[in-house]
Amino acid sequence: MNKKTVGLCSEKERWEMKASENMRGRVMLVWQNIDSPFFTDEEKGEAIRHVLDLATHNGIKKADILKACEYLWNKVFEVEK
């Protein structure tokens, strides 16, 4: 959204866009730190769902996708070490 478009929005629409941007930022923070114990399973699931719903995955690092796969794998299967 460019500055001209933002200028045409109502205050409520600007607030909703800012809230949406903050949520996306939070989701991507969780996604990039999927193995962190500081985020809940629900937050991690939301982040994974968000990434799955993206139109393209060009901006998603392979390492982050593999960490998410490992996280899901460990949730489903008990891994012997």
Protein backbone atom coordinates (compact mmCIF):
# COMPACT_ATOMS: atom_id res chain seq x y z
CA MET A 1 0.00 0.00 0.00
CA ASN A 2 1.52 3.32 -1.00
CA LYS A 3 1.31 6.68 0.77
CA LYS A 4 -1.43 7.96 -1.55
CA THR A 5 -3.60 4.93 -0.80
CA VAL A 6 -3.00 5.22 2.95
CA GLY A 7 -3.99 8.90 2.82
CA LEU A 8 -7.39 7.92 1.42
CA CYS A 9 -8.13 5.48 4.25
CA SER A 10 -10.26 6.26 7.27
CA GLU A 11 -8.72 6.31 10.75
CA LYS A 12 -10.31 2.92 11.49
CA GLU A 13 -8.89 1.42 8.29
CA ARG A 14 -5.41 2.77 9.14
CA TRP A 15 -5.67 1.27 12.64
CA GLU A 16 -6.77 -2.09 11.19
CA MET A 17 -3.87 -2.06 8.70
CA LYS A 18 -1.40 -1.29 11.51
CA ALA A 19 -2.86 -4.09 13.66
CA SER A 20 -2.63 -6.47 10.71
CA GLU A 21 1.00 -5.47 10.07
CA ASN A 22 1.83 -6.01 13.76
CA MET A 23 0.18 -9.44 13.70
CA ARG A 24 2.08 -10.42 10.55
CA GLY A 25 5.28 -9.24 12.21
CA ARG A 26 4.54 -11.34 15.29
CA VAL A 27 3.65 -14.37 13.15
CA MET A 28 6.91 -14.08 11.22
CA LEU A 29 8.87 -13.68 14.46
CA VAL A 30 7.37 -16.95 15.70
CA TRP A 31 7.98 -18.60 12.31
CA GLN A 32 11.65 -17.63 12.30
CA ASN A 33 12.05 -18.93 15.87
CA ILE A 34 9.79 -21.98 15.67
CA ASP A 35 12.09 -24.01 17.92
CA SER A 36 12.00 -21.41 20.70
CA PRO A 37 10.38 -22.45 23.99
CA PHE A 38 9.14 -18.87 24.44
CA PHE A 39 6.23 -19.35 22.02
CA THR A 40 3.19 -21.55 22.61
CA ASP A 41 2.19 -24.44 20.36
CA GLU A 42 -0.83 -22.36 19.32
CA GLU A 43 1.39 -19.47 18.22
CA LYS A 44 3.63 -21.86 16.33
CA GLY A 45 0.62 -23.47 14.65
CA GLU A 46 -0.70 -20.05 13.65
CA ALA A 47 2.68 -19.13 12.17
CA ILE A 48 2.85 -22.38 10.20
CA ARG A 49 -0.70 -21.87 8.92
CA HIS A 50 0.16 -18.30 7.88
CA VAL A 51 3.16 -19.50 5.87
CA LEU A 52 1.15 -22.31 4.29
CA ASP A 53 -1.47 -19.76 3.19
CA LEU A 54 1.02 -17.47 1.44
CA ALA A 55 0.57 -17.14 -2.31
CA THR A 56 4.29 -17.72 -2.87
CA HIS A 57 7.10 -18.88 -0.63
CA ASN A 58 9.95 -17.06 -2.36
CA GLY A 59 10.76 -15.02 0.76
CA ILE A 60 10.77 -18.00 3.10
CA LYS A 61 14.16 -19.47 3.90
CA LYS A 62 14.64 -23.18 3.37
CA ALA A 63 16.26 -23.46 6.80
CA ASP A 64 13.08 -22.03 8.41
CA ILE A 65 10.90 -24.48 6.50
CA LEU A 66 13.09 -27.37 7.65
CA LYS A 67 12.94 -26.15 11.27
CA ALA A 68 9.14 -26.07 11.04
CA CYS A 69 9.13 -29.60 9.58
CA GLU A 70 11.36 -30.79 12.41
CA TYR A 71 9.10 -29.10 14.98
CA LEU A 72 6.03 -30.83 13.51
CA TRP A 73 7.86 -34.15 13.23
CA ASN A 74 8.81 -33.99 16.91
CA LYS A 75 5.21 -33.17 17.86
CA VAL A 76 3.95 -36.28 16.07
CA PHE A 77 6.71 -38.80 16.71
CA GLU A 78 8.73 -39.53 19.81
CA VAL A 79 12.35 -39.36 18.68
CA GLU A 80 14.94 -41.55 20.37
CA LYS A 81 18.31 -39.88 20.75
